[in-house]
Amino acid sequence: MNRSIHAELDAEIKATPIVLFMKGDAEMPQCGFSAVVVQILKLLNKPFKTVNVLLDTEIRQGIKDYSNWPTIPQLYVAGEFVGGCDIVREMYQTGELRQLIEDKGL
């Protein structure tokens, strides 16, 4: 079977208002950077979905290719790539992340 990772990722990102590609899941992050972003999203009290990239090596590499961003976690809001842990943390601290989510009507 010929699997189109790009199409799968594109569909997931467009269908899910807030999606975090991470190592582990929201209940049990498996890296510190992923844990930080989960904590931030929980503080914002907005529903979000996580995709555990450790379960599928094609998705793990595919999301890096999709965004042209080399690291995990990766946060998407309303189909838009926001960034990794450092960017998300900085945006949260300045209030920019909350504003972005509100501006998207989420």
PDB file of N, CA and C in Angstrom:
ATOM      1  N   MET A   1       0.850  -1.176   0.000  1.00  0.00           N
ATOM      2  CA  MET A   1       0.000   0.000   0.000  1.00  0.00           C
ATOM      3  C   MET A   1       0.892   1.235   0.000  1.00  0.00           C
ATOM      4  N   ASN A   2       0.510   2.198  -0.844  1.00  0.00           N
ATOM      5  CA  ASN A   2       1.242   3.444  -0.900  1.00  0.00           C
ATOM      6  C   ASN A   2       0.560   4.461   0.008  1.00  0.00           C
ATOM      7  N   ARG A   3       1.191   4.815   1.066  1.00  0.00           N
ATOM      8  CA  ARG A   3       0.623   5.684   2.080  1.00  0.00           C
ATOM      9  C   ARG A   3       1.070   7.123   1.831  1.00  0.00           C
ATOM     10  N   SER A   4       0.130   8.039   1.834  1.00  0.00           N
ATOM     11  CA  SER A   4       0.478   9.445   1.662  1.00  0.00           C
ATOM     12  C   SER A   4       0.446  10.132   3.024  1.00  0.00           C
ATOM     13  N   ILE A   5       1.601  10.191   3.635  1.00  0.00           N
ATOM     14  CA  ILE A   5       1.702  10.815   4.958  1.00  0.00           C
ATOM     15  C   ILE A   5       1.328  12.286   4.890  1.00  0.00           C
ATOM     16  N   HIS A   6       1.785  12.950   3.839  1.00  0.00           N
ATOM     17  CA  HIS A   6       1.479  14.378   3.709  1.00  0.00           C
ATOM     18  C   HIS A   6      -0.032  14.597   3.697  1.00  0.00           C
ATOM     19  N   ALA A   7      -0.761  13.783   2.932  1.00  0.00           N
ATOM     20  CA  ALA A   7      -2.219  13.922   2.862  1.00  0.00           C
ATOM     21  C   ALA A   7      -2.872  13.608   4.204  1.00  0.00           C
ATOM     22  N   GLU A   8      -2.368  12.594   4.900  1.00  0.00           N
ATOM     23  CA  GLU A   8      -2.901  12.258   6.232  1.00  0.00           C
ATOM     24  C   GLU A   8      -2.696  13.413   7.213  1.00  0.00           C
ATOM     25  N   LEU A   9      -1.495  13.964   7.199  1.00  0.00           N
ATOM     26  CA  LEU A   9      -1.194  15.064   8.112  1.00  0.00           C
ATOM     27  C   LEU A   9      -2.021  16.295   7.769  1.00  0.00           C
ATOM     28  N   ASP A  10      -2.122  16.585   6.496  1.00  0.00           N
ATOM     29  CA  ASP A  10      -2.896  17.736   6.044  1.00  0.00           C
ATOM     30  C   ASP A  10      -4.352  17.611   6.481  1.00  0.00           C
ATOM     31  N   ALA A  11      -4.920  16.420   6.325  1.00  0.00           N
ATOM     32  CA  ALA A  11      -6.306  16.200   6.728  1.00  0.00           C
ATOM     33  C   ALA A  11      -6.471  16.360   8.241  1.00  0.00           C
ATOM     34  N   GLU A  12      -5.550  15.811   9.003  1.00  0.00           N
ATOM     35  CA  GLU A  12      -5.621  15.915  10.465  1.00  0.00           C
ATOM     36  C   GLU A  12      -5.513  17.371  10.914  1.00  0.00           C
ATOM     37  N   ILE A  13      -4.572  18.080  10.354  1.00  0.00           N
ATOM     38  CA  ILE A  13      -4.331  19.475  10.744  1.00  0.00           C
ATOM     39  C   ILE A  13      -5.524  20.353  10.371  1.00  0.00           C
ATOM     40  N   LYS A  14      -6.120  20.109   9.234  1.00  0.00           N
ATOM     41  CA  LYS A  14      -7.254  20.926   8.799  1.00  0.00           C
ATOM     42  C   LYS A  14      -8.545  20.563   9.525  1.00  0.00           C
ATOM     43  N   ALA A  15      -8.646  19.316  10.004  1.00  0.00           N
ATOM     44  CA  ALA A  15      -9.872  18.859  10.656  1.00  0.00           C
ATOM     45  C   ALA A  15      -9.902  19.119  12.158  1.00  0.00           C
ATOM     46  N   THR A  16      -8.746  19.367  12.748  1.00  0.00           N
ATOM     47  CA  THR A  16      -8.665  19.485  14.199  1.00  0.00           C
ATOM     48  C   THR A  16      -8.287  20.922  14.574  1.00  0.00           C
ATOM     49  N   PRO A  17      -9.144  21.626  15.325  1.00  0.00           N
ATOM     50  CA  PRO A  17      -8.864  23.032  15.631  1.00  0.00           C
ATOM     51  C   PRO A  17      -7.512  23.267  16.306  1.00  0.00           C
ATOM     52  N   ILE A  18      -7.194  22.458  17.313  1.00  0.00           N
ATOM     53  CA  ILE A  18      -5.897  22.577  17.984  1.00  0.00           C
ATOM     54  C   ILE A  18      -5.313  21.175  18.073  1.00  0.00           C
ATOM     55  N   VAL A  19      -4.205  20.966  17.390  1.00  0.00           N
ATOM     56  CA  VAL A  19      -3.579  19.644  17.394  1.00  0.00           C
ATOM     57  C   VAL A  19      -2.093  19.794  17.694  1.00  0.00           C
ATOM     58  N   LEU A  20      -1.637  18.933  18.592  1.00  0.00           N
ATOM     59  CA  LEU A  20      -0.236  18.937  19.005  1.00  0.00           C
ATOM     60  C   LEU A  20       0.402  17.608  18.625  1.00  0.00           C
ATOM     61  N   PHE A  21       1.392  17.663  17.770  1.00  0.00           N
ATOM     62  CA  PHE A  21       2.202  16.494  17.448  1.00  0.00           C
ATOM     63  C   PHE A  21       3.312  16.450  18.483  1.00  0.00           C
ATOM     64  N   MET A  22       3.357  15.362  19.228  1.00  0.00           N
ATOM     65  CA  MET A  22       4.245  15.310  20.386  1.00  0.00           C
ATOM     66  C   MET A  22       4.762  13.894  20.622  1.00  0.00           C
ATOM     67  N   LYS A  23       5.683  13.799  21.548  1.00  0.00           N
ATOM     68  CA  LYS A  23       6.174  12.493  21.985  1.00  0.00           C
ATOM     69  C   LYS A  23       5.361  12.105  23.215  1.00  0.00           C
ATOM     70  N   GLY A  24       4.592  11.038  23.069  1.00  0.00           N
ATOM     71  CA  GLY A  24       3.681  10.625  24.125  1.00  0.00           C
ATOM     72  C   GLY A  24       2.312  11.209  23.869  1.00  0.00           C
ATOM     73  N   ASP A  25       1.523  11.315  24.936  1.00  0.00           N
ATOM     74  CA  ASP A  25       0.202  11.924  24.798  1.00  0.00           C
ATOM     75  C   ASP A  25      -0.029  12.883  25.949  1.00  0.00           C
ATOM     76  N   ALA A  26      -1.191  13.519  25.947  1.00  0.00           N
ATOM     77  CA  ALA A  26      -1.457  14.557  26.946  1.00  0.00           C
ATOM     78  C   ALA A  26      -1.387  14.020  28.371  1.00  0.00           C
ATOM     79  N   GLU A  27      -1.744  12.771  28.547  1.00  0.00           N
ATOM     80  CA  GLU A  27      -1.735  12.184  29.885  1.00  0.00           C
ATOM     81  C   GLU A  27      -0.352  11.711  30.302  1.00  0.00           C
ATOM     82  N   MET A  28       0.472  11.366  29.314  1.00  0.00           N
ATOM     83  CA  MET A  28       1.795  10.861  29.631  1.00  0.00           C
ATOM     84  C   MET A  28       2.823  11.312  28.577  1.00  0.00           C
ATOM     85  N   PRO A  29       3.190  12.607  28.624  1.00  0.00           N
ATOM     86  CA  PRO A  29       4.220  13.086  27.695  1.00  0.00           C
ATOM     87  C   PRO A  29       5.530  12.327  27.926  1.00  0.00           C
ATOM     88  N   GLN A  30       6.219  12.058  26.813  1.00  0.00           N
ATOM     89  CA  GLN A  30       7.458  11.299  26.929  1.00  0.00           C
ATOM     90  C   GLN A  30       8.696  12.130  26.618  1.00  0.00           C
ATOM     91  N   CYS A  31       8.553  13.439  26.657  1.00  0.00           N
ATOM     92  CA  CYS A  31       9.720  14.323  26.629  1.00  0.00           C
ATOM     93  C   CYS A  31       9.325  15.626  27.312  1.00  0.00           C
ATOM     94  N   GLY A  32      10.314  16.301  27.845  1.00  0.00           N
ATOM     95  CA  GLY A  32      10.057  17.524  28.605  1.00  0.00           C
ATOM     96  C   GLY A  32       9.452  18.638  27.763  1.00  0.00           C
ATOM     97  N   PHE A  33       9.877  18.750  26.514  1.00  0.00           N
ATOM     98  CA  PHE A  33       9.353  19.811  25.655  1.00  0.00           C
ATOM     99  C   PHE A  33       7.868  19.582  25.368  1.00  0.00           C
ATOM    100  N   SER A  34       7.519  18.341  25.088  1.00  0.00           N
ATOM    101  CA  SER A  34       6.107  18.010  24.859  1.00  0.00           C
ATOM    102  C   SER A  34       5.297  18.283  26.123  1.00  0.00           C
ATOM    103  N   ALA A  35       5.843  17.949  27.273  1.00  0.00           N
ATOM    104  CA  ALA A  35       5.136  18.161  28.539  1.00  0.00           C
ATOM    105  C   ALA A  35       4.861  19.646  28.771  1.00  0.00           C
ATOM    106  N   VAL A  36       5.806  20.494  28.417  1.00  0.00           N
ATOM    107  CA  VAL A  36       5.620  21.942  28.594  1.00  0.00           C
ATOM    108  C   VAL A  36       4.461  22.445  27.741  1.00  0.00           C
ATOM    109  N   VAL A  37       4.410  22.027  26.488  1.00  0.00           N
ATOM    110  CA  VAL A  37       3.332  22.503  25.599  1.00  0.00           C
ATOM    111  C   VAL A  37       1.980  21.972  26.070  1.00  0.00           C
ATOM    112  N   VAL A  38       1.931  20.729  26.506  1.00  0.00           N
ATOM    113  CA  VAL A  38       0.675  20.188  27.048  1.00  0.00           C
ATOM    114  C   VAL A  38       0.229  21.019  28.244  1.00  0.00           C
ATOM    115  N   GLN A  39       1.147  21.334  29.131  1.00  0.00           N
ATOM    116  CA  GLN A  39       0.809  22.125  30.321  1.00  0.00           C
ATOM    117  C   GLN A  39       0.256  23.487  29.921  1.00  0.00           C
ATOM    118  N   ILE A  40       0.874  24.123  28.948  1.00  0.00           N
ATOM    119  CA  ILE A  40       0.404  25.428  28.465  1.00  0.00           C
ATOM    120  C   ILE A  40      -1.013  25.313  27.906  1.00  0.00           C
ATOM    121  N   LEU A  41      -1.251  24.302  27.076  1.00  0.00           N
ATOM    122  CA  LEU A  41      -2.581  24.138  26.498  1.00  0.00           C
ATOM    123  C   LEU A  41      -3.616  23.864  27.579  1.00  0.00           C
ATOM    124  N   LYS A  42      -3.250  23.115  28.583  1.00  0.00           N
ATOM    125  CA  LYS A  42      -4.176  22.863  29.690  1.00  0.00           C
ATOM    126  C   LYS A  42      -4.460  24.163  30.459  1.00  0.00           C
ATOM    127  N   LEU A  43      -3.441  25.008  30.618  1.00  0.00           N
ATOM    128  CA  LEU A  43      -3.641  26.291  31.302  1.00  0.00           C
ATOM    129  C   LEU A  43      -4.583  27.201  30.514  1.00  0.00           C
ATOM    130  N   LEU A  44      -4.561  27.079  29.190  1.00  0.00           N
ATOM    131  CA  LEU A  44      -5.449  27.883  28.350  1.00  0.00           C
ATOM    132  C   LEU A  44      -6.878  27.356  28.371  1.00  0.00           C
ATOM    133  N   ASN A  45      -7.020  26.127  28.885  1.00  0.00           N
ATOM    134  CA  ASN A  45      -8.342  25.523  29.052  1.00  0.00           C
ATOM    135  C   ASN A  45      -9.113  25.430  27.733  1.00  0.00           C
ATOM    136  N   LYS A  46      -8.398  25.055  26.697  1.00  0.00           N
ATOM    137  CA  LYS A  46      -8.997  24.844  25.385  1.00  0.00           C
ATOM    138  C   LYS A  46      -8.824  23.373  25.018  1.00  0.00           C
ATOM    139  N   PRO A  47      -9.846  22.781  24.422  1.00  0.00           N
ATOM    140  CA  PRO A  47      -9.695  21.377  24.015  1.00  0.00           C
ATOM    141  C   PRO A  47      -8.651  21.249  22.907  1.00  0.00           C
ATOM    142  N   PHE A  48      -7.884  20.192  22.978  1.00  0.00           N
ATOM    143  CA  PHE A  48      -6.874  19.950  21.957  1.00  0.00           C
ATOM    144  C   PHE A  48      -6.677  18.452  21.793  1.00  0.00           C
ATOM    145  N   LYS A  49      -6.148  18.101  20.641  1.00  0.00           N
ATOM    146  CA  LYS A  49      -5.859  16.710  20.337  1.00  0.00           C
ATOM    147  C   LYS A  49      -4.354  16.538  20.269  1.00  0.00           C
ATOM    148  N   THR A  50      -3.892  15.375  20.677  1.00  0.00           N
ATOM    149  CA  THR A  50      -2.474  15.084  20.535  1.00  0.00           C
ATOM    150  C   THR A  50      -2.288  13.913  19.577  1.00  0.00           C
ATOM    151  N   VAL A  51      -1.183  13.936  18.874  1.00  0.00           N
ATOM    152  CA  VAL A  51      -0.778  12.829  18.015  1.00  0.00           C
ATOM    153  C   VAL A  51       0.595  12.389  18.504  1.00  0.00           C
ATOM    154  N   ASN A  52       0.670  11.143  18.941  1.00  0.00           N
ATOM    155  CA  ASN A  52       1.918  10.601  19.462  1.00  0.00           C
ATOM    156  C   ASN A  52       2.798  10.149  18.296  1.00  0.00           C
ATOM    157  N   VAL A  53       3.827  10.915  18.013  1.00  0.00           N
ATOM    158  CA  VAL A  53       4.692  10.602  16.866  1.00  0.00           C
ATOM    159  C   VAL A  53       5.566   9.378  17.126  1.00  0.00           C
ATOM    160  N   LEU A  54       5.662   8.960  18.368  1.00  0.00           N
ATOM    161  CA  LEU A  54       6.496   7.797  18.692  1.00  0.00           C
ATOM    162  C   LEU A  54       5.850   6.486  18.238  1.00  0.00           C
ATOM    163  N   LEU A  55       4.564   6.537  17.922  1.00  0.00           N
ATOM    164  CA  LEU A  55       3.854   5.330  17.503  1.00  0.00           C
ATOM    165  C   LEU A  55       4.000   5.044  16.021  1.00  0.00           C
ATOM    166  N   ASP A  56       4.495   6.010  15.253  1.00  0.00           N
ATOM    167  CA  ASP A  56       4.565   5.844  13.804  1.00  0.00           C
ATOM    168  C   ASP A  56       5.748   6.640  13.261  1.00  0.00           C
ATOM    169  N   THR A  57       6.783   5.940  12.829  1.00  0.00           N
ATOM    170  CA  THR A  57       7.990   6.636  12.367  1.00  0.00           C
ATOM    171  C   THR A  57       7.731   7.466  11.108  1.00  0.00           C
ATOM    172  N   GLU A  58       6.765   7.039  10.289  1.00  0.00           N
ATOM    173  CA  GLU A  58       6.454   7.827   9.090  1.00  0.00           C
ATOM    174  C   GLU A  58       5.810   9.162   9.470  1.00  0.00           C
ATOM    175  N   ILE A  59       4.955   9.148  10.456  1.00  0.00           N
ATOM    176  CA  ILE A  59       4.350  10.404  10.920  1.00  0.00           C
ATOM    177  C   ILE A  59       5.406  11.260  11.606  1.00  0.00           C
ATOM    178  N   ARG A  60       6.278  10.633  12.372  1.00  0.00           N
ATOM    179  CA  ARG A  60       7.322  11.389  13.080  1.00  0.00           C
ATOM    180  C   ARG A  60       8.192  12.176  12.096  1.00  0.00           C
ATOM    181  N   GLN A  61       8.606  11.541  11.015  1.00  0.00           N
ATOM    182  CA  GLN A  61       9.401  12.252  10.013  1.00  0.00           C
ATOM    183  C   GLN A  61       8.509  13.112   9.136  1.00  0.00           C
ATOM    184  N   GLY A  62       7.314  12.621   8.848  1.00  0.00           N
ATOM    185  CA  GLY A  62       6.409  13.326   7.952  1.00  0.00           C
ATOM    186  C   GLY A  62       6.002  14.694   8.467  1.00  0.00           C
ATOM    187  N   ILE A  63       5.788  14.815   9.773  1.00  0.00           N
ATOM    188  CA  ILE A  63       5.378  16.116  10.299  1.00  0.00           C
ATOM    189  C   ILE A  63       6.534  17.121  10.213  1.00  0.00           C
ATOM    190  N   LYS A  64       7.749  16.631  10.332  1.00  0.00           N
ATOM    191  CA  LYS A  64       8.915  17.522  10.171  1.00  0.00           C
ATOM    192  C   LYS A  64       9.002  18.015   8.733  1.00  0.00           C
ATOM    193  N   ASP A  65       8.748  17.123   7.793  1.00  0.00           N
ATOM    194  CA  ASP A  65       8.774  17.507   6.379  1.00  0.00           C
ATOM    195  C   ASP A  65       7.607  18.436   6.052  1.00  0.00           C
ATOM    196  N   TYR A  66       6.442  18.140   6.624  1.00  0.00           N
ATOM    197  CA  TYR A  66       5.227  18.926   6.353  1.00  0.00           C
ATOM    198  C   TYR A  66       5.430  20.385   6.744  1.00  0.00           C
ATOM    199  N   SER A  67       6.006  20.590   7.919  1.00  0.00           N
ATOM    200  CA  SER A  67       6.166  21.952   8.442  1.00  0.00           C
ATOM    201  C   SER A  67       7.508  22.577   8.073  1.00  0.00           C
ATOM    202  N   ASN A  68       8.426  21.727   7.612  1.00  0.00           N
ATOM    203  CA  ASN A  68       9.805  22.174   7.408  1.00  0.00           C
ATOM    204  C   ASN A  68      10.394  22.688   8.727  1.00  0.00           C
ATOM    205  N   TRP A  69      10.038  21.985   9.792  1.00  0.00           N
ATOM    206  CA  TRP A  69      10.490  22.329  11.143  1.00  0.00           C
ATOM    207  C   TRP A  69      11.134  21.066  11.711  1.00  0.00           C
ATOM    208  N   PRO A  70      12.343  21.137  12.253  1.00  0.00           N
ATOM    209  CA  PRO A  70      13.087  19.919  12.545  1.00  0.00           C
ATOM    210  C   PRO A  70      12.768  19.201  13.857  1.00  0.00           C
ATOM    211  N   THR A  71      11.985  19.817  14.713  1.00  0.00           N
ATOM    212  CA  THR A  71      11.824  19.221  16.043  1.00  0.00           C
ATOM    213  C   THR A  71      10.360  18.953  16.373  1.00  0.00           C
ATOM    214  N   ILE A  72      10.180  18.139  17.397  1.00  0.00           N
ATOM    215  CA  ILE A  72       8.889  17.798  17.976  1.00  0.00           C
ATOM    216  C   ILE A  72       8.960  18.292  19.429  1.00  0.00           C
ATOM    217  N   PRO A  73       7.918  18.883  19.956  1.00  0.00           N
ATOM    218  CA  PRO A  73       6.528  18.983  19.522  1.00  0.00           C
ATOM    219  C   PRO A  73       6.311  20.079  18.479  1.00  0.00           C
ATOM    220  N   GLN A  74       5.154  19.963  17.823  1.00  0.00           N
ATOM    221  CA  GLN A  74       4.699  20.973  16.876  1.00  0.00           C
ATOM    222  C   GLN A  74       3.224  21.236  17.127  1.00  0.00           C
ATOM    223  N   LEU A  75       2.903  22.510  17.297  1.00  0.00           N
ATOM    224  CA  LEU A  75       1.522  22.905  17.572  1.00  0.00           C
ATOM    225  C   LEU A  75       0.906  23.568  16.338  1.00  0.00           C
ATOM    226  N   TYR A  76      -0.334  23.145  16.035  1.00  0.00           N
ATOM    227  CA  TYR A  76      -1.112  23.730  14.945  1.00  0.00           C
ATOM    228  C   TYR A  76      -2.424  24.254  15.523  1.00  0.00           C
ATOM    229  N   VAL A  77      -2.780  25.473  15.135  1.00  0.00           N
ATOM    230  CA  VAL A  77      -4.038  26.073  15.555  1.00  0.00           C
ATOM    231  C   VAL A  77      -4.788  26.506  14.302  1.00  0.00           C
ATOM    232  N   ALA A  78      -5.992  25.977  14.151  1.00  0.00           N
ATOM    233  CA  ALA A  78      -6.832  26.289  12.987  1.00  0.00           C
ATOM    234  C   ALA A  78      -6.075  26.098  11.676  1.00  0.00           C
ATOM    235  N   GLY A  79      -5.339  25.021  11.591  1.00  0.00           N
ATOM    236  CA  GLY A  79      -4.618  24.693  10.372  1.00  0.00           C
ATOM    237  C   GLY A  79      -3.305  25.409  10.180  1.00  0.00           C
ATOM    238  N   GLU A  80      -2.949  26.257  11.125  1.00  0.00           N
ATOM    239  CA  GLU A  80      -1.736  27.069  11.012  1.00  0.00           C
ATOM    240  C   GLU A  80      -0.648  26.539  11.942  1.00  0.00           C
ATOM    241  N   PHE A  81       0.548  26.353  11.400  1.00  0.00           N
ATOM    242  CA  PHE A  81       1.672  25.934  12.230  1.00  0.00           C
ATOM    243  C   PHE A  81       2.071  27.085  13.147  1.00  0.00           C
ATOM    244  N   VAL A  82       2.094  26.827  14.437  1.00  0.00           N
ATOM    245  CA  VAL A  82       2.448  27.848  15.418  1.00  0.00           C
ATOM    246  C   VAL A  82       3.934  27.765  15.754  1.00  0.00           C
ATOM    247  N   GLY A  83       4.413  26.560  16.074  1.00  0.00           N
ATOM    248  CA  GLY A  83       5.819  26.406  16.394  1.00  0.00           C
ATOM    249  C   GLY A  83       6.052  25.268  17.353  1.00  0.00           C
ATOM    250  N   GLY A  84       7.274  25.232  17.866  1.00  0.00           N
ATOM    251  CA  GLY A  84       7.676  24.225  18.824  1.00  0.00           C
ATOM    252  C   GLY A  84       7.595  24.763  20.240  1.00  0.00           C
ATOM    253  N   CYS A  85       8.207  24.070  21.154  1.00  0.00           N
ATOM    254  CA  CYS A  85       8.098  24.386  22.580  1.00  0.00           C
ATOM    255  C   CYS A  85       8.523  25.818  22.916  1.00  0.00           C
ATOM    256  N   ASP A  86       9.668  26.238  22.456  1.00  0.00           N
ATOM    257  CA  ASP A  86      10.166  27.568  22.829  1.00  0.00           C
ATOM    258  C   ASP A  86       9.246  28.671  22.321  1.00  0.00           C
ATOM    259  N   ILE A  87       8.779  28.527  21.091  1.00  0.00           N
ATOM    260  CA  ILE A  87       7.890  29.544  20.513  1.00  0.00           C
ATOM    261  C   ILE A  87       6.554  29.550  21.243  1.00  0.00           C
ATOM    262  N   VAL A  88       6.006  28.364  21.502  1.00  0.00           N
ATOM    263  CA  VAL A  88       4.721  28.271  22.197  1.00  0.00           C
ATOM    264  C   VAL A  88       4.846  28.871  23.602  1.00  0.00           C
ATOM    265  N   ARG A  89       5.936  28.556  24.307  1.00  0.00           N
ATOM    266  CA  ARG A  89       6.138  29.092  25.658  1.00  0.00           C
ATOM    267  C   ARG A  89       6.216  30.618  25.629  1.00  0.00           C
ATOM    268  N   GLU A  90       6.980  31.153  24.688  1.00  0.00           N
ATOM    269  CA  GLU A  90       7.119  32.615  24.590  1.00  0.00           C
ATOM    270  C   GLU A  90       5.773  33.262  24.242  1.00  0.00           C
ATOM    271  N   MET A  91       5.042  32.656  23.312  1.00  0.00           N
ATOM    272  CA  MET A  91       3.738  33.205  22.931  1.00  0.00           C
ATOM    273  C   MET A  91       2.758  33.137  24.097  1.00  0.00           C
ATOM    274  N   TYR A  92       2.846  32.085  24.901  1.00  0.00           N
ATOM    275  CA  TYR A  92       1.973  31.980  26.070  1.00  0.00           C
ATOM    276  C   TYR A  92       2.318  33.076  27.079  1.00  0.00           C
ATOM    277  N   GLN A  93       3.600  33.266  27.318  1.00  0.00           N
ATOM    278  CA  GLN A  93       4.032  34.250  28.319  1.00  0.00           C
ATOM    279  C   GLN A  93       3.646  35.676  27.935  1.00  0.00           C
ATOM    280  N   THR A  94       3.622  35.964  26.643  1.00  0.00           N
ATOM    281  CA  THR A  94       3.260  37.320  26.206  1.00  0.00           C
ATOM    282  C   THR A  94       1.762  37.489  25.993  1.00  0.00           C
ATOM    283  N   GLY A  95       1.011  36.386  26.056  1.00  0.00           N
ATOM    284  CA  GLY A  95      -0.424  36.437  25.810  1.00  0.00           C
ATOM    285  C   GLY A  95      -0.783  36.268  24.337  1.00  0.00           C
ATOM    286  N   GLU A  96       0.233  36.149  23.506  1.00  0.00           N
ATOM    287  CA  GLU A  96       0.007  36.049  22.065  1.00  0.00           C
ATOM    288  C   GLU A  96      -0.686  34.742  21.676  1.00  0.00           C
ATOM    289  N   LEU A  97      -0.392  33.663  22.382  1.00  0.00           N
ATOM    290  CA  LEU A  97      -1.007  32.375  22.053  1.00  0.00           C
ATOM    291  C   LEU A  97      -2.499  32.402  22.360  1.00  0.00           C
ATOM    292  N   ARG A  98      -2.861  32.911  23.513  1.00  0.00           N
ATOM    293  CA  ARG A  98      -4.285  33.019  23.867  1.00  0.00           C
ATOM    294  C   ARG A  98      -5.007  33.893  22.837  1.00  0.00           C
ATOM    295  N   GLN A  99      -4.375  34.987  22.456  1.00  0.00           N
ATOM    296  CA  GLN A  99      -4.983  35.891  21.483  1.00  0.00           C
ATOM    297  C   GLN A  99      -5.165  35.204  20.134  1.00  0.00           C
ATOM    298  N   LEU A 100      -4.154  34.442  19.716  1.00  0.00           N
ATOM    299  CA  LEU A 100      -4.238  33.714  18.450  1.00  0.00           C
ATOM    300  C   LEU A 100      -5.417  32.750  18.465  1.00  0.00           C
ATOM    301  N   ILE A 101      -5.545  32.006  19.540  1.00  0.00           N
ATOM    302  CA  ILE A 101      -6.632  31.029  19.655  1.00  0.00           C
ATOM    303  C   ILE A 101      -7.989  31.737  19.653  1.00  0.00           C
ATOM    304  N   GLU A 102      -8.076  32.838  20.361  1.00  0.00           N
ATOM    305  CA  GLU A 102      -9.335  33.594  20.393  1.00  0.00           C
ATOM    306  C   GLU A 102      -9.644  34.212  19.029  1.00  0.00           C
ATOM    307  N   ASP A 103      -8.611  34.720  18.371  1.00  0.00           N
ATOM    308  CA  ASP A 103      -8.808  35.309  17.037  1.00  0.00           C
ATOM    309  C   ASP A 103      -9.312  34.280  16.030  1.00  0.00           C
ATOM    310  N   LYS A 104      -8.940  33.020  16.240  1.00  0.00           N
ATOM    311  CA  LYS A 104      -9.398  31.945  15.357  1.00  0.00           C
ATOM    312  C   LYS A 104     -10.787  31.452  15.739  1.00  0.00           C
ATOM    313  N   GLY A 105     -11.350  32.045  16.800  1.00  0.00           N
ATOM    314  CA  GLY A 105     -12.690  31.672  17.225  1.00  0.00           C
ATOM    315  C   GLY A 105     -12.763  30.348  17.957  1.00  0.00           C
ATOM    316  N   LEU A 106     -11.656  29.962  18.568  1.00  0.00           N
ATOM    317  CA  LEU A 106     -11.607  28.676  19.268  1.00  0.00           C
ATOM    318  C   LEU A 106     -11.727  28.850  20.780  1.00  0.00           C
TER     319      LEU A 106
END
